[in-house]
Amino acid sequence: MNINYENIIDLLKLESDKIIEKLRISNNSELINDKKNIDNAIKWLKKGMENQIHPDFNIIVIPEQITKTPSSEYRLIEDHETDDKKYWTEVRVNNKELRPSSGDFLIMK
């Protein structure tokens, strides 16, 4: 199923336009905050649509590392169906190893 949030994005844009009209009359912090929240919601929905992220997907936060040295890091590897580490390869995205840090997020289908 294709994720499409265009309808709700359009509704949020209409609400944003209403807030802009109100701001022309009265420049108050609550309206400014509402406008920022709508803008952020639109960005999230566009990002979700662009990456086909369904709201039911799980979001996992990478935990703090147990080893607290500068050279210790997480690595995402493909094991090629073997427990022998010499055959494992690191996952690469845009020709660069994918090495998440503590606090990064993984979105799981």
C-alpha atoms as a PDB file:
ATOM      1  CA  MET A   1       0.000   0.000   0.000  1.00  0.00           C
ATOM      2  CA  ASN A   2       1.354   3.384  -1.007  1.00  0.00           C
ATOM      3  CA  ILE A   3       1.591   5.884   1.873  1.00  0.00           C
ATOM      4  CA  ASN A   4       0.003   9.170   0.789  1.00  0.00           C
ATOM      5  CA  TYR A   5      -0.530  12.039   3.217  1.00  0.00           C
ATOM      6  CA  GLU A   6      -1.307  14.719   0.613  1.00  0.00           C
ATOM      7  CA  ASN A   7      -4.909  15.229   1.778  1.00  0.00           C
ATOM      8  CA  ILE A   8      -3.974  15.880   5.393  1.00  0.00           C
ATOM      9  CA  ILE A   9      -1.016  18.026   4.312  1.00  0.00           C
ATOM     10  CA  ASP A  10      -3.445  20.154   2.285  1.00  0.00           C
ATOM     11  CA  LEU A  11      -5.738  20.493   5.328  1.00  0.00           C
ATOM     12  CA  LEU A  12      -2.805  21.519   7.509  1.00  0.00           C
ATOM     13  CA  LYS A  13      -1.728  24.095   4.928  1.00  0.00           C
ATOM     14  CA  LEU A  14      -5.247  25.576   4.996  1.00  0.00           C
ATOM     15  CA  GLU A  15      -5.077  25.751   8.790  1.00  0.00           C
ATOM     16  CA  SER A  16      -1.658  27.366   8.520  1.00  0.00           C
ATOM     17  CA  ASP A  17      -3.094  29.997   6.161  1.00  0.00           C
ATOM     18  CA  LYS A  18      -5.816  30.757   8.724  1.00  0.00           C
ATOM     19  CA  ILE A  19      -3.194  31.241  11.412  1.00  0.00           C
ATOM     20  CA  ILE A  20      -1.210  33.562   9.148  1.00  0.00           C
ATOM     21  CA  GLU A  21      -4.339  35.696   8.690  1.00  0.00           C
ATOM     22  CA  LYS A  22      -4.841  35.822  12.458  1.00  0.00           C
ATOM     23  CA  LEU A  23      -1.183  36.770  12.917  1.00  0.00           C
ATOM     24  CA  ARG A  24      -1.668  39.780  10.654  1.00  0.00           C
ATOM     25  CA  ILE A  25      -4.289  41.030  13.131  1.00  0.00           C
ATOM     26  CA  SER A  26      -2.671  39.926  16.385  1.00  0.00           C
ATOM     27  CA  ASN A  27       0.934  38.800  16.635  1.00  0.00           C
ATOM     28  CA  ASN A  28       0.833  36.565  19.714  1.00  0.00           C
ATOM     29  CA  SER A  29       3.131  33.777  20.828  1.00  0.00           C
ATOM     30  CA  GLU A  30       0.404  31.119  20.942  1.00  0.00           C
ATOM     31  CA  LEU A  31      -0.405  31.623  17.256  1.00  0.00           C
ATOM     32  CA  ILE A  32       3.288  31.617  16.367  1.00  0.00           C
ATOM     33  CA  ASN A  33       3.702  28.345  18.273  1.00  0.00           C
ATOM     34  CA  ASP A  34       0.667  26.844  16.497  1.00  0.00           C
ATOM     35  CA  LYS A  35       2.134  27.855  13.116  1.00  0.00           C
ATOM     36  CA  LYS A  36       5.481  26.234  13.981  1.00  0.00           C
ATOM     37  CA  ASN A  37       3.739  23.041  15.112  1.00  0.00           C
ATOM     38  CA  ILE A  38       1.754  22.826  11.873  1.00  0.00           C
ATOM     39  CA  ASP A  39       4.912  23.439   9.820  1.00  0.00           C
ATOM     40  CA  ASN A  40       6.677  20.637  11.716  1.00  0.00           C
ATOM     41  CA  ALA A  41       3.715  18.294  11.254  1.00  0.00           C
ATOM     42  CA  ILE A  42       3.787  18.946   7.513  1.00  0.00           C
ATOM     43  CA  LYS A  43       7.534  18.207   7.414  1.00  0.00           C
ATOM     44  CA  TRP A  44       6.997  14.922   9.292  1.00  0.00           C
ATOM     45  CA  LEU A  45       4.174  13.861   7.009  1.00  0.00           C
ATOM     46  CA  LYS A  46       6.224  14.679   3.890  1.00  0.00           C
ATOM     47  CA  LYS A  47       9.191  12.731   5.270  1.00  0.00           C
ATOM     48  CA  GLY A  48       6.912   9.794   6.079  1.00  0.00           C
ATOM     49  CA  MET A  49       5.414   9.866   2.610  1.00  0.00           C
ATOM     50  CA  GLU A  50       8.802  10.222   0.903  1.00  0.00           C
ATOM     51  CA  ASN A  51      10.168   7.218   2.812  1.00  0.00           C
ATOM     52  CA  GLN A  52       6.890   5.246   2.889  1.00  0.00           C
ATOM     53  CA  ILE A  53       6.884   5.145   6.704  1.00  0.00           C
ATOM     54  CA  HIS A  54       3.622   3.809   8.105  1.00  0.00           C
ATOM     55  CA  PRO A  55       2.541   5.105  11.541  1.00  0.00           C
ATOM     56  CA  ASP A  56       2.388   1.517  12.842  1.00  0.00           C
ATOM     57  CA  PHE A  57       6.102   0.939  12.249  1.00  0.00           C
ATOM     58  CA  ASN A  58       8.197   0.549  15.403  1.00  0.00           C
ATOM     59  CA  ILE A  59      10.721   3.227  16.277  1.00  0.00           C
ATOM     60  CA  ILE A  60      13.650   1.918  18.280  1.00  0.00           C
ATOM     61  CA  VAL A  61      16.220   4.118  20.005  1.00  0.00           C
ATOM     62  CA  ILE A  62      19.770   2.759  19.905  1.00  0.00           C
ATOM     63  CA  PRO A  63      20.820   2.328  23.565  1.00  0.00           C
ATOM     64  CA  GLU A  64      23.881   3.769  25.238  1.00  0.00           C
ATOM     65  CA  GLN A  65      26.994   1.766  24.524  1.00  0.00           C
ATOM     66  CA  ILE A  66      28.287  -0.509  27.270  1.00  0.00           C
ATOM     67  CA  THR A  67      31.895   0.152  26.285  1.00  0.00           C
ATOM     68  CA  LYS A  68      32.702   3.832  26.828  1.00  0.00           C
ATOM     69  CA  THR A  69      35.897   4.244  24.826  1.00  0.00           C
ATOM     70  CA  PRO A  70      36.363   6.444  21.735  1.00  0.00           C
ATOM     71  CA  SER A  71      37.152   3.487  19.479  1.00  0.00           C
ATOM     72  CA  SER A  72      34.074   1.447  20.440  1.00  0.00           C
ATOM     73  CA  GLU A  73      31.083   1.807  18.127  1.00  0.00           C
ATOM     74  CA  TYR A  74      28.004   0.063  16.837  1.00  0.00           C
ATOM     75  CA  ARG A  75      28.251  -1.548  13.426  1.00  0.00           C
ATOM     76  CA  LEU A  76      25.469  -2.866  11.248  1.00  0.00           C
ATOM     77  CA  ILE A  77      26.593  -6.058   9.547  1.00  0.00           C
ATOM     78  CA  GLU A  78      25.244  -8.706   7.213  1.00  0.00           C
ATOM     79  CA  ASP A  79      26.292 -12.150   8.415  1.00  0.00           C
ATOM     80  CA  HIS A  80      25.747 -14.031   5.112  1.00  0.00           C
ATOM     81  CA  GLU A  81      24.230 -16.931   7.071  1.00  0.00           C
ATOM     82  CA  THR A  82      27.441 -17.765   8.892  1.00  0.00           C
ATOM     83  CA  ASP A  83      28.689 -17.314  12.444  1.00  0.00           C
ATOM     84  CA  ASP A  84      32.231 -16.901  11.134  1.00  0.00           C
ATOM     85  CA  LYS A  85      32.912 -13.173  11.458  1.00  0.00           C
ATOM     86  CA  LYS A  86      35.532 -13.166   8.704  1.00  0.00           C
ATOM     87  CA  TYR A  87      32.718 -13.534   6.141  1.00  0.00           C
ATOM     88  CA  TRP A  88      30.587 -10.764   7.578  1.00  0.00           C
ATOM     89  CA  THR A  89      30.321  -7.444   5.729  1.00  0.00           C
ATOM     90  CA  GLU A  90      29.275  -4.057   6.993  1.00  0.00           C
ATOM     91  CA  VAL A  91      26.141  -2.535   5.555  1.00  0.00           C
ATOM     92  CA  ARG A  92      26.969   0.425   3.332  1.00  0.00           C
ATOM     93  CA  VAL A  93      24.669   3.278   2.343  1.00  0.00           C
ATOM     94  CA  ASN A  94      25.866   5.816  -0.228  1.00  0.00           C
ATOM     95  CA  ASN A  95      29.212   4.036  -0.282  1.00  0.00           C
ATOM     96  CA  LYS A  96      29.745   4.585   3.456  1.00  0.00           C
ATOM     97  CA  GLU A  97      29.483   2.165   6.382  1.00  0.00           C
ATOM     98  CA  LEU A  98      26.288   2.542   8.370  1.00  0.00           C
ATOM     99  CA  ARG A  99      27.367   3.021  11.995  1.00  0.00           C
ATOM    100  CA  PRO A 100      24.596   4.207  14.274  1.00  0.00           C
ATOM    101  CA  SER A 101      25.337   6.038  17.503  1.00  0.00           C
ATOM    102  CA  SER A 102      23.673   5.908  20.895  1.00  0.00           C
ATOM    103  CA  GLY A 103      20.399   7.791  20.680  1.00  0.00           C
ATOM    104  CA  ASP A 104      19.944   7.240  16.921  1.00  0.00           C
ATOM    105  CA  PHE A 105      16.658   5.795  15.745  1.00  0.00           C
ATOM    106  CA  LEU A 106      15.829   2.705  13.707  1.00  0.00           C
ATOM    107  CA  ILE A 107      12.415   2.486  12.074  1.00  0.00           C
ATOM    108  CA  MET A 108      11.339  -1.131  11.835  1.00  0.00           C
ATOM    109  CA  LYS A 109       8.548  -2.418   9.579  1.00  0.00           C
END
